[in-house]
Amino acid sequence: MEFNAMLKEDRRRCILQFLEGSSGRTGSLPFLVMVLDMTGHRISSKDVAEELSWLEQNRLVTLDAPGGVVVATLTRRGTDVAQDRLRVAGVKRPEVA
């Protein structure tokens, strides 16, 4: 697997796991940019929006834009992936300690 594809899979996992642990299982685009930055994924808002779009297309999150700010909400399917109960190609599996 190429390095960029591995990074995308890891970013998607980070987003899902963050949403799974957040209040209301939601997170705004600006906040998700900061979360990814803290996990070593320093990417633009545009790139995070593309990852969110991919997650939405795979029914792992829903997206809404109240007041023009994109907000992602984890779906039941997304929760299953975040908890490693379901595998989806394109999302890195959590590491086992």
C-alpha atoms as a PDB file:
ATOM      1  CA  MET A   1       0.000   0.000   0.000  1.00  0.00           C
ATOM      2  CA  GLU A   2       1.321   3.438  -0.823  1.00  0.00           C
ATOM      3  CA  PHE A   3       2.213   5.825   1.994  1.00  0.00           C
ATOM      4  CA  ASN A   4      -0.457   8.450   1.152  1.00  0.00           C
ATOM      5  CA  ALA A   5      -3.189   5.798   1.237  1.00  0.00           C
ATOM      6  CA  MET A   6      -1.966   4.634   4.648  1.00  0.00           C
ATOM      7  CA  LEU A   7      -2.098   8.219   5.934  1.00  0.00           C
ATOM      8  CA  LYS A   8      -5.678   8.657   4.675  1.00  0.00           C
ATOM      9  CA  GLU A   9      -6.767   5.440   6.391  1.00  0.00           C
ATOM     10  CA  ASP A  10      -5.173   6.583   9.653  1.00  0.00           C
ATOM     11  CA  ARG A  11      -6.790  10.045   9.427  1.00  0.00           C
ATOM     12  CA  ARG A  12     -10.203   8.457   8.931  1.00  0.00           C
ATOM     13  CA  ARG A  13      -9.677   6.218  11.954  1.00  0.00           C
ATOM     14  CA  CYS A  14      -8.595   9.226  14.044  1.00  0.00           C
ATOM     15  CA  ILE A  15     -11.731  11.147  13.045  1.00  0.00           C
ATOM     16  CA  LEU A  16     -14.040   8.226  13.861  1.00  0.00           C
ATOM     17  CA  GLN A  17     -12.397   7.536  17.207  1.00  0.00           C
ATOM     18  CA  PHE A  18     -12.515  11.201  18.173  1.00  0.00           C
ATOM     19  CA  LEU A  19     -16.210  11.474  17.275  1.00  0.00           C
ATOM     20  CA  GLU A  20     -16.946   8.251  19.151  1.00  0.00           C
ATOM     21  CA  GLY A  21     -15.546   9.779  22.337  1.00  0.00           C
ATOM     22  CA  SER A  22     -16.986  13.262  21.923  1.00  0.00           C
ATOM     23  CA  SER A  23     -20.144  14.665  23.452  1.00  0.00           C
ATOM     24  CA  GLY A  24     -23.044  14.023  21.100  1.00  0.00           C
ATOM     25  CA  ARG A  25     -20.675  12.080  18.811  1.00  0.00           C
ATOM     26  CA  THR A  26     -20.201  15.274  16.807  1.00  0.00           C
ATOM     27  CA  GLY A  27     -17.370  17.552  15.778  1.00  0.00           C
ATOM     28  CA  SER A  28     -17.051  20.662  13.638  1.00  0.00           C
ATOM     29  CA  LEU A  29     -14.650  20.864  10.704  1.00  0.00           C
ATOM     30  CA  PRO A  30     -12.390  23.470  12.397  1.00  0.00           C
ATOM     31  CA  PHE A  31     -12.202  21.362  15.542  1.00  0.00           C
ATOM     32  CA  LEU A  32     -11.428  18.186  13.575  1.00  0.00           C
ATOM     33  CA  VAL A  33      -8.582  20.027  11.827  1.00  0.00           C
ATOM     34  CA  MET A  34      -7.116  20.749  15.290  1.00  0.00           C
ATOM     35  CA  VAL A  35      -7.661  17.164  16.464  1.00  0.00           C
ATOM     36  CA  LEU A  36      -5.870  15.764  13.428  1.00  0.00           C
ATOM     37  CA  ASP A  37      -3.067  18.280  13.894  1.00  0.00           C
ATOM     38  CA  MET A  38      -2.600  17.041  17.480  1.00  0.00           C
ATOM     39  CA  THR A  39      -2.361  13.445  16.231  1.00  0.00           C
ATOM     40  CA  GLY A  40       0.372  14.303  13.736  1.00  0.00           C
ATOM     41  CA  HIS A  41      -1.826  14.833  10.674  1.00  0.00           C
ATOM     42  CA  ARG A  42      -1.130  18.437   9.704  1.00  0.00           C
ATOM     43  CA  ILE A  43      -3.463  18.919   6.737  1.00  0.00           C
ATOM     44  CA  SER A  44      -5.668  21.680   5.375  1.00  0.00           C
ATOM     45  CA  SER A  45      -9.356  22.212   6.091  1.00  0.00           C
ATOM     46  CA  LYS A  46     -10.019  21.269   2.466  1.00  0.00           C
ATOM     47  CA  ASP A  47      -8.313  17.910   2.975  1.00  0.00           C
ATOM     48  CA  VAL A  48     -10.239  17.247   6.199  1.00  0.00           C
ATOM     49  CA  ALA A  49     -13.482  18.138   4.384  1.00  0.00           C
ATOM     50  CA  GLU A  50     -12.562  15.580   1.696  1.00  0.00           C
ATOM     51  CA  GLU A  51     -12.022  12.923   4.384  1.00  0.00           C
ATOM     52  CA  LEU A  52     -15.392  13.787   5.925  1.00  0.00           C
ATOM     53  CA  SER A  53     -17.024  13.500   2.517  1.00  0.00           C
ATOM     54  CA  TRP A  54     -15.460  10.042   2.077  1.00  0.00           C
ATOM     55  CA  LEU A  55     -16.714   9.012   5.525  1.00  0.00           C
ATOM     56  CA  GLU A  56     -20.203  10.274   4.643  1.00  0.00           C
ATOM     57  CA  GLN A  57     -20.216   8.389   1.335  1.00  0.00           C
ATOM     58  CA  ASN A  58     -19.401   5.231   3.306  1.00  0.00           C
ATOM     59  CA  ARG A  59     -22.206   5.952   5.809  1.00  0.00           C
ATOM     60  CA  LEU A  60     -19.812   6.365   8.738  1.00  0.00           C
ATOM     61  CA  VAL A  61     -20.809   9.986   9.466  1.00  0.00           C
ATOM     62  CA  THR A  62     -23.537  12.395   8.499  1.00  0.00           C
ATOM     63  CA  LEU A  63     -22.679  15.976   7.603  1.00  0.00           C
ATOM     64  CA  ASP A  64     -24.633  19.135   8.296  1.00  0.00           C
ATOM     65  CA  ALA A  65     -23.704  22.803   7.999  1.00  0.00           C
ATOM     66  CA  PRO A  66     -25.642  24.867  10.538  1.00  0.00           C
ATOM     67  CA  GLY A  67     -24.620  28.488  10.174  1.00  0.00           C
ATOM     68  CA  GLY A  68     -22.220  27.515   7.405  1.00  0.00           C
ATOM     69  CA  VAL A  69     -19.918  25.425   9.648  1.00  0.00           C
ATOM     70  CA  VAL A  70     -19.619  21.767   8.642  1.00  0.00           C
ATOM     71  CA  VAL A  71     -20.429  19.397  11.519  1.00  0.00           C
ATOM     72  CA  ALA A  72     -19.873  15.638  11.363  1.00  0.00           C
ATOM     73  CA  THR A  73     -21.996  13.246  13.407  1.00  0.00           C
ATOM     74  CA  LEU A  74     -20.987   9.636  13.873  1.00  0.00           C
ATOM     75  CA  THR A  75     -23.494   7.050  12.642  1.00  0.00           C
ATOM     76  CA  ARG A  76     -24.154   3.642  14.256  1.00  0.00           C
ATOM     77  CA  ARG A  77     -22.056   2.099  11.455  1.00  0.00           C
ATOM     78  CA  GLY A  78     -19.280   4.602  12.165  1.00  0.00           C
ATOM     79  CA  THR A  79     -19.402   3.708  15.867  1.00  0.00           C
ATOM     80  CA  ASP A  80     -19.020   0.038  14.982  1.00  0.00           C
ATOM     81  CA  VAL A  81     -15.933   0.865  12.899  1.00  0.00           C
ATOM     82  CA  ALA A  82     -14.456   3.107  15.628  1.00  0.00           C
ATOM     83  CA  GLN A  83     -14.910   0.265  18.138  1.00  0.00           C
ATOM     84  CA  ASP A  84     -13.399  -2.306  15.729  1.00  0.00           C
ATOM     85  CA  ARG A  85     -16.655  -4.251  15.484  1.00  0.00           C
ATOM     86  CA  LEU A  86     -16.902  -3.674  11.748  1.00  0.00           C
ATOM     87  CA  ARG A  87     -14.188  -3.350   9.155  1.00  0.00           C
ATOM     88  CA  VAL A  88     -14.452  -0.935   6.255  1.00  0.00           C
ATOM     89  CA  ALA A  89     -11.830  -0.844   3.509  1.00  0.00           C
ATOM     90  CA  GLY A  90     -10.187   2.579   3.587  1.00  0.00           C
ATOM     91  CA  VAL A  91     -10.198   2.940   7.388  1.00  0.00           C
ATOM     92  CA  LYS A  92      -7.187   1.763   9.373  1.00  0.00           C
ATOM     93  CA  ARG A  93      -7.943  -0.752  12.079  1.00  0.00           C
ATOM     94  CA  PRO A  94      -7.127   0.327  15.620  1.00  0.00           C
ATOM     95  CA  GLU A  95      -3.830  -0.933  16.932  1.00  0.00           C
ATOM     96  CA  VAL A  96      -3.989  -3.708  19.470  1.00  0.00           C
ATOM     97  CA  ALA A  97      -1.864  -3.149  22.560  1.00  0.00           C
END
